[in-house]
Protein backbone atom coordinates (compact mmCIF):
# COMPACT_ATOMS: atom_id res chain seq x y z
CA UNK A 1 -29.24 64.96 4.89
CA UNK A 2 -31.48 64.95 2.08
CA UNK A 3 -34.95 64.68 3.65
CA UNK A 4 -36.54 60.84 2.21
CA UNK A 5 -40.11 61.11 1.00
CA UNK A 6 -42.31 58.07 0.78
CA UNK A 7 -41.46 55.94 -2.65
CA UNK A 8 -43.15 52.75 -3.01
CA UNK A 9 -39.84 50.19 -2.98
CA UNK A 10 -36.32 50.66 -2.23
CA UNK A 11 -35.57 50.92 -5.44
CA UNK A 12 -37.53 53.60 -6.63
CA UNK A 13 -36.41 55.71 -3.33
CA UNK A 14 -32.30 54.90 -4.67
CA UNK A 15 -33.31 55.78 -8.11
CA UNK A 16 -34.73 59.55 -5.79
CA UNK A 17 -31.92 59.94 -4.12
CA UNK A 18 -29.46 59.87 -7.30
CA UNK A 19 -31.98 61.97 -9.21
CA UNK A 20 -31.81 65.02 -6.51
CA UNK A 21 -28.37 64.21 -6.50
CA UNK A 22 -28.39 64.98 -10.50
CA UNK A 23 -26.02 62.11 -10.70
CA UNK A 24 -25.72 59.42 -13.72
CA UNK A 25 -26.11 55.72 -12.94
CA UNK A 26 -22.54 55.51 -13.10
CA UNK A 27 -21.01 58.52 -11.18
CA UNK A 28 -23.13 56.68 -8.11
CA UNK A 29 -21.66 53.44 -8.97
CA UNK A 30 -18.19 54.66 -9.66
CA UNK A 31 -18.51 56.27 -6.11
CA UNK A 32 -19.95 53.59 -4.69
CA UNK A 33 -17.74 51.10 -6.09
CA UNK A 34 -19.56 49.47 -7.81
CA UNK A 35 -21.01 48.06 -11.40
CA UNK A 36 -23.26 50.74 -13.16
CA UNK A 37 -25.56 47.24 -14.33
CA UNK A 38 -26.08 46.47 -10.53
CA UNK A 39 -26.90 49.55 -9.88
CA UNK A 40 -29.22 49.97 -12.52
CA UNK A 41 -30.94 46.29 -10.83
CA UNK A 42 -30.90 47.63 -7.75
CA UNK A 43 -32.90 50.86 -9.21
CA UNK A 44 -35.51 48.17 -10.95
CA UNK A 45 -35.97 45.80 -7.96
CA UNK A 46 -34.03 43.29 -9.57
CA UNK A 47 -31.49 42.80 -7.48
CA UNK A 48 -31.51 43.12 -3.98
CA UNK A 49 -28.64 45.17 -1.90
CA UNK A 50 -26.38 44.33 0.97
CA UNK A 51 -26.30 45.51 4.66
CA UNK A 52 -22.80 47.54 3.35
CA UNK A 53 -24.51 48.73 0.60
CA UNK A 54 -27.08 49.98 2.18
CA UNK A 55 -24.50 51.94 4.86
CA UNK A 56 -22.98 53.22 2.28
CA UNK A 57 -25.93 54.23 -0.24
CA UNK A 58 -26.54 56.40 3.44
CA UNK A 59 -23.32 57.50 4.27
CA UNK A 60 -22.49 58.71 0.61
CA UNK A 61 -26.14 60.62 0.31
CA UNK A 62 -26.16 61.81 3.52
CA UNK A 63 -29.37 60.20 5.07
CA UNK A 64 -30.33 57.50 7.10
CA UNK A 65 -29.20 54.27 7.57
CA UNK A 66 -32.20 52.70 9.69
CA UNK A 67 -34.70 54.51 7.25
CA UNK A 68 -32.78 53.06 3.95
CA UNK A 69 -32.94 49.74 5.98
CA UNK A 70 -36.48 50.29 7.25
CA UNK A 71 -37.32 50.17 3.19
CA UNK A 72 -35.57 47.48 2.02
CA UNK A 73 -37.02 45.55 4.92
CA UNK A 74 -40.61 46.69 4.20
CA UNK A 75 -40.05 45.34 0.16
CA UNK A 76 -38.00 41.84 1.82
CA UNK A 77 -42.11 41.50 4.26
CA UNK A 78 -43.89 42.78 1.11
CA UNK A 79 -42.58 40.70 -1.13
CA UNK A 80 -42.95 38.27 0.67
CA UNK A 81 -46.25 38.00 1.56
CA UNK A 82 -47.29 38.59 -2.12
CA UNK A 83 -45.03 35.25 -2.94
CA UNK A 84 -47.34 32.91 -0.47
CA UNK A 85 -50.32 35.10 -1.23
CA UNK A 86 -51.35 35.28 2.64
CA UNK A 87 -53.27 38.19 3.54
CA UNK A 88 -52.66 41.11 5.67
CA UNK A 89 -53.02 39.44 8.84
CA UNK A 90 -50.34 38.17 8.83
CA UNK A 91 -48.22 41.06 10.16
CA UNK A 92 -50.23 40.72 13.27
CA UNK A 93 -49.39 37.42 13.67
CA UNK A 94 -45.77 38.78 13.04
CA UNK A 95 -45.65 41.87 15.17
CA UNK A 96 -46.74 39.65 18.45
CA UNK A 97 -44.14 37.00 17.76
CA UNK A 98 -41.50 39.18 17.60
CA UNK A 99 -43.21 40.22 20.69
CA UNK A 100 -42.18 37.09 21.59
CA UNK A 101 -39.46 36.37 21.05
CA UNK A 102 -37.77 39.69 21.94
CA UNK A 103 -38.47 38.41 25.61
CA UNK A 104 -36.97 35.27 25.33
CA UNK A 105 -33.33 36.89 24.46
CA UNK A 106 -34.16 38.88 27.49
CA UNK A 107 -34.19 36.07 29.86
């Protein structure tokens, strides 16, 4: 497996994986069976990948699907916080809410 360095966005991570493999956008896009322009937009954080595409990226680059999904979801949370102009306290509230919802699901 290729070790994942901590970039700032999912798109940067994808670009890092592609660069480490010394591949062009077109080569990776063909192998992932997507349009090269879509891949470029994902790398520039202008489009979001599907869970299916994240899984394919993990398999193709031999990296952890969970780590890729964590990077993607953390982007979603960060952008939402920025868009709503919320402060970071919201993360603590969300963490408590996740714990509470888990207890409801286990009942």
